[in-house]
PDB file of N, CA and C in Angstrom:
ATOM      1  N   MET A   1     -18.276  -9.467   6.820  1.00  0.00           N
ATOM      2  CA  MET A   1     -17.063  -8.924   6.210  1.00  0.00           C
ATOM      3  C   MET A   1     -17.112  -8.976   4.685  1.00  0.00           C
ATOM      4  N   GLY A   2     -18.145  -9.577   4.142  1.00  0.00           N
ATOM      5  CA  GLY A   2     -18.258  -9.608   2.680  1.00  0.00           C
ATOM      6  C   GLY A   2     -17.444 -10.725   2.073  1.00  0.00           C
ATOM      7  N   LEU A   3     -16.531 -10.366   1.194  1.00  0.00           N
ATOM      8  CA  LEU A   3     -15.729 -11.369   0.490  1.00  0.00           C
ATOM      9  C   LEU A   3     -14.780 -12.088   1.444  1.00  0.00           C
ATOM     10  N   LEU A   4     -14.611 -13.378   1.222  1.00  0.00           N
ATOM     11  CA  LEU A   4     -13.651 -14.148   2.019  1.00  0.00           C
ATOM     12  C   LEU A   4     -12.270 -14.024   1.399  1.00  0.00           C
ATOM     13  N   MET A   5     -11.369 -13.386   2.105  1.00  0.00           N
ATOM     14  CA  MET A   5     -10.012 -13.171   1.597  1.00  0.00           C
ATOM     15  C   MET A   5      -9.028 -13.446   2.722  1.00  0.00           C
ATOM     16  N   ALA A   6      -7.801 -13.727   2.340  1.00  0.00           N
ATOM     17  CA  ALA A   6      -6.756 -13.898   3.343  1.00  0.00           C
ATOM     18  C   ALA A   6      -6.510 -12.552   4.036  1.00  0.00           C
ATOM     19  N   PRO A   7      -6.296 -12.553   5.345  1.00  0.00           N
ATOM     20  CA  PRO A   7      -6.060 -11.291   6.063  1.00  0.00           C
ATOM     21  C   PRO A   7      -4.924 -10.479   5.465  1.00  0.00           C
ATOM     22  N   ARG A   8      -3.891 -11.169   4.967  1.00  0.00           N
ATOM     23  CA  ARG A   8      -2.765 -10.466   4.370  1.00  0.00           C
ATOM     24  C   ARG A   8      -3.202  -9.695   3.123  1.00  0.00           C
ATOM     25  N   GLN A   9      -4.062 -10.311   2.309  1.00  0.00           N
ATOM     26  CA  GLN A   9      -4.560  -9.633   1.106  1.00  0.00           C
ATOM     27  C   GLN A   9      -5.351  -8.394   1.482  1.00  0.00           C
ATOM     28  N   VAL A  10      -6.222  -8.529   2.477  1.00  0.00           N
ATOM     29  CA  VAL A  10      -7.033  -7.399   2.919  1.00  0.00           C
ATOM     30  C   VAL A  10      -6.139  -6.269   3.402  1.00  0.00           C
ATOM     31  N   ALA A  11      -5.116  -6.607   4.187  1.00  0.00           N
ATOM     32  CA  ALA A  11      -4.204  -5.592   4.715  1.00  0.00           C
ATOM     33  C   ALA A  11      -3.452  -4.903   3.589  1.00  0.00           C
ATOM     34  N   GLU A  12      -2.963  -5.688   2.614  1.00  0.00           N
ATOM     35  CA  GLU A  12      -2.228  -5.093   1.504  1.00  0.00           C
ATOM     36  C   GLU A  12      -3.124  -4.158   0.703  1.00  0.00           C
ATOM     37  N   GLN A  13      -4.366  -4.564   0.448  1.00  0.00           N
ATOM     38  CA  GLN A  13      -5.269  -3.711  -0.320  1.00  0.00           C
ATOM     39  C   GLN A  13      -5.562  -2.416   0.417  1.00  0.00           C
ATOM     40  N   SER A  14      -5.748  -2.487   1.731  1.00  0.00           N
ATOM     41  CA  SER A  14      -6.036  -1.272   2.488  1.00  0.00           C
ATOM     42  C   SER A  14      -4.829  -0.343   2.505  1.00  0.00           C
ATOM     43  N   VAL A  15      -3.627  -0.913   2.580  1.00  0.00           N
ATOM     44  CA  VAL A  15      -2.408  -0.095   2.535  1.00  0.00           C
ATOM     45  C   VAL A  15      -2.279   0.573   1.175  1.00  0.00           C
ATOM     46  N   ILE A  16      -2.545  -0.176   0.103  1.00  0.00           N
ATOM     47  CA  ILE A  16      -2.465   0.395  -1.243  1.00  0.00           C
ATOM     48  C   ILE A  16      -3.470   1.531  -1.394  1.00  0.00           C
ATOM     49  N   ARG A  17      -4.686   1.340  -0.878  1.00  0.00           N
ATOM     50  CA  ARG A  17      -5.692   2.407  -0.957  1.00  0.00           C
ATOM     51  C   ARG A  17      -5.251   3.627  -0.166  1.00  0.00           C
ATOM     52  N   LEU A  18      -4.670   3.385   1.018  1.00  0.00           N
ATOM     53  CA  LEU A  18      -4.207   4.492   1.853  1.00  0.00           C
ATOM     54  C   LEU A  18      -3.119   5.285   1.139  1.00  0.00           C
ATOM     55  N   LEU A  19      -2.137   4.577   0.573  1.00  0.00           N
ATOM     56  CA  LEU A  19      -1.060   5.257  -0.148  1.00  0.00           C
ATOM     57  C   LEU A  19      -1.606   6.010  -1.346  1.00  0.00           C
ATOM     58  N   GLY A  20      -2.579   5.413  -2.028  1.00  0.00           N
ATOM     59  CA  GLY A  20      -3.180   6.078  -3.185  1.00  0.00           C
ATOM     60  C   GLY A  20      -3.876   7.368  -2.789  1.00  0.00           C
ATOM     61  N   SER A  21      -4.596   7.345  -1.676  1.00  0.00           N
ATOM     62  CA  SER A  21      -5.299   8.550  -1.248  1.00  0.00           C
ATOM     63  C   SER A  21      -4.314   9.621  -0.795  1.00  0.00           C
ATOM     64  N   ILE A  22      -3.236   9.203  -0.150  1.00  0.00           N
ATOM     65  CA  ILE A  22      -2.201  10.160   0.259  1.00  0.00           C
ATOM     66  C   ILE A  22      -1.549  10.780  -0.977  1.00  0.00           C
ATOM     67  N   ALA A  23      -1.265   9.944  -1.971  1.00  0.00           N
ATOM     68  CA  ALA A  23      -0.599  10.440  -3.175  1.00  0.00           C
ATOM     69  C   ALA A  23      -1.477  11.439  -3.908  1.00  0.00           C
ATOM     70  N   SER A  24      -2.791  11.191  -3.952  1.00  0.00           N
ATOM     71  CA  SER A  24      -3.670  12.082  -4.699  1.00  0.00           C
ATOM     72  C   SER A  24      -3.927  13.383  -3.944  1.00  0.00           C
ATOM     73  N   SER A  25      -3.883  13.336  -2.605  1.00  0.00           N
ATOM     74  CA  SER A  25      -4.200  14.532  -1.826  1.00  0.00           C
ATOM     75  C   SER A  25      -2.961  15.358  -1.498  1.00  0.00           C
ATOM     76  N   ALA A  26      -1.787  14.728  -1.472  1.00  0.00           N
ATOM     77  CA  ALA A  26      -0.562  15.438  -1.106  1.00  0.00           C
ATOM     78  C   ALA A  26       0.584  15.014  -2.026  1.00  0.00           C
ATOM     79  N   PRO A  27       0.642  15.577  -3.237  1.00  0.00           N
ATOM     80  CA  PRO A  27       1.652  15.139  -4.222  1.00  0.00           C
ATOM     81  C   PRO A  27       3.086  15.331  -3.741  1.00  0.00           C
ATOM     82  N   TYR A  28       3.330  16.297  -2.860  1.00  0.00           N
ATOM     83  CA  TYR A  28       4.705  16.551  -2.415  1.00  0.00           C
ATOM     84  C   TYR A  28       5.235  15.420  -1.535  1.00  0.00           C
ATOM     85  N   LEU A  29       4.363  14.518  -1.081  1.00  0.00           N
ATOM     86  CA  LEU A  29       4.810  13.414  -0.230  1.00  0.00           C
ATOM     87  C   LEU A  29       5.235  12.189  -1.032  1.00  0.00           C
ATOM     88  N   THR A  30       4.971  12.199  -2.344  1.00  0.00           N
ATOM     89  CA  THR A  30       5.131  10.958  -3.101  1.00  0.00           C
ATOM     90  C   THR A  30       6.557  10.435  -3.034  1.00  0.00           C
ATOM     91  N   ARG A  31       7.557  11.298  -3.232  1.00  0.00           N
ATOM     92  CA  ARG A  31       8.949  10.830  -3.277  1.00  0.00           C
ATOM     93  C   ARG A  31       9.433  10.344  -1.913  1.00  0.00           C
ATOM     94  N   LYS A  32       9.236  11.164  -0.893  1.00  0.00           N
ATOM     95  CA  LYS A  32       9.834  10.859   0.416  1.00  0.00           C
ATOM     96  C   LYS A  32       9.024   9.843   1.207  1.00  0.00           C
ATOM     97  N   PHE A  33       7.707   9.823   1.008  1.00  0.00           N
ATOM     98  CA  PHE A  33       6.861   9.015   1.885  1.00  0.00           C
ATOM     99  C   PHE A  33       6.410   7.713   1.230  1.00  0.00           C
ATOM    100  N   ILE A  34       5.913   7.787   0.014  1.00  0.00           N
ATOM    101  CA  ILE A  34       5.291   6.613  -0.603  1.00  0.00           C
ATOM    102  C   ILE A  34       6.316   5.728  -1.301  1.00  0.00           C
ATOM    103  N   GLU A  35       7.230   6.326  -2.041  1.00  0.00           N
ATOM    104  CA  GLU A  35       8.156   5.528  -2.847  1.00  0.00           C
ATOM    105  C   GLU A  35       8.953   4.511  -2.022  1.00  0.00           C
ATOM    106  N   PRO A  36       9.555   4.880  -0.880  1.00  0.00           N
ATOM    107  CA  PRO A  36      10.303   3.877  -0.101  1.00  0.00           C
ATOM    108  C   PRO A  36       9.441   2.700   0.319  1.00  0.00           C
ATOM    109  N   ARG A  37       8.159   2.946   0.608  1.00  0.00           N
ATOM    110  CA  ARG A  37       7.278   1.859   1.018  1.00  0.00           C
ATOM    111  C   ARG A  37       6.962   0.940  -0.151  1.00  0.00           C
ATOM    112  N   LEU A  38       6.799   1.496  -1.335  1.00  0.00           N
ATOM    113  CA  LEU A  38       6.556   0.647  -2.503  1.00  0.00           C
ATOM    114  C   LEU A  38       7.792  -0.185  -2.816  1.00  0.00           C
ATOM    115  N   ILE A  39       8.968   0.436  -2.679  1.00  0.00           N
ATOM    116  CA  ILE A  39      10.215  -0.301  -2.911  1.00  0.00           C
ATOM    117  C   ILE A  39      10.344  -1.414  -1.873  1.00  0.00           C
ATOM    118  N   PHE A  40      10.050  -1.100  -0.611  1.00  0.00           N
ATOM    119  CA  PHE A  40      10.125  -2.113   0.446  1.00  0.00           C
ATOM    120  C   PHE A  40       9.155  -3.259   0.173  1.00  0.00           C
ATOM    121  N   ARG A  41       7.953  -2.926  -0.250  1.00  0.00           N
ATOM    122  CA  ARG A  41       6.944  -3.943  -0.524  1.00  0.00           C
ATOM    123  C   ARG A  41       7.404  -4.848  -1.661  1.00  0.00           C
ATOM    124  N   GLY A  42       8.116  -4.271  -2.629  1.00  0.00           N
ATOM    125  CA  GLY A  42       8.614  -5.078  -3.733  1.00  0.00           C
ATOM    126  C   GLY A  42       9.689  -6.056  -3.310  1.00  0.00           C
ATOM    127  N   ASN A  43      10.353  -5.769  -2.193  1.00  0.00           N
ATOM    128  CA  ASN A  43      11.427  -6.646  -1.725  1.00  0.00           C
ATOM    129  C   ASN A  43      10.926  -7.748  -0.798  1.00  0.00           C
ATOM    130  N   VAL A  44       9.677  -7.683  -0.398  1.00  0.00           N
ATOM    131  CA  VAL A  44       9.124  -8.700   0.500  1.00  0.00           C
ATOM    132  C   VAL A  44       8.779  -9.939  -0.315  1.00  0.00           C
ATOM    133  N   PRO A  45       9.311 -11.109   0.041  1.00  0.00           N
ATOM    134  CA  PRO A  45       9.030 -12.327  -0.725  1.00  0.00           C
ATOM    135  C   PRO A  45       7.567 -12.730  -0.613  1.00  0.00           C
ATOM    136  N   VAL A  46       7.003 -13.167  -1.714  1.00  0.00           N
ATOM    137  CA  VAL A  46       5.610 -13.615  -1.732  1.00  0.00           C
ATOM    138  C   VAL A  46       5.551 -15.069  -1.291  1.00  0.00           C
ATOM    139  N   GLN A  47       4.662 -15.353  -0.377  1.00  0.00           N
ATOM    140  CA  GLN A  47       4.546 -16.727   0.140  1.00  0.00           C
ATOM    141  C   GLN A  47       3.475 -17.507  -0.604  1.00  0.00           C
TER     142      GLN A  47
END
């Protein structure tokens, strides 16, 4: 698996990459699809 990271970190990075690829390939989705998820992620408390 390469680098040793917490599973949560790996999941967050993959989600960020996924959202980034969606944003670059489909700009019309940014407001309705990506923004609410970024806002939701900002509201999740960091442990």
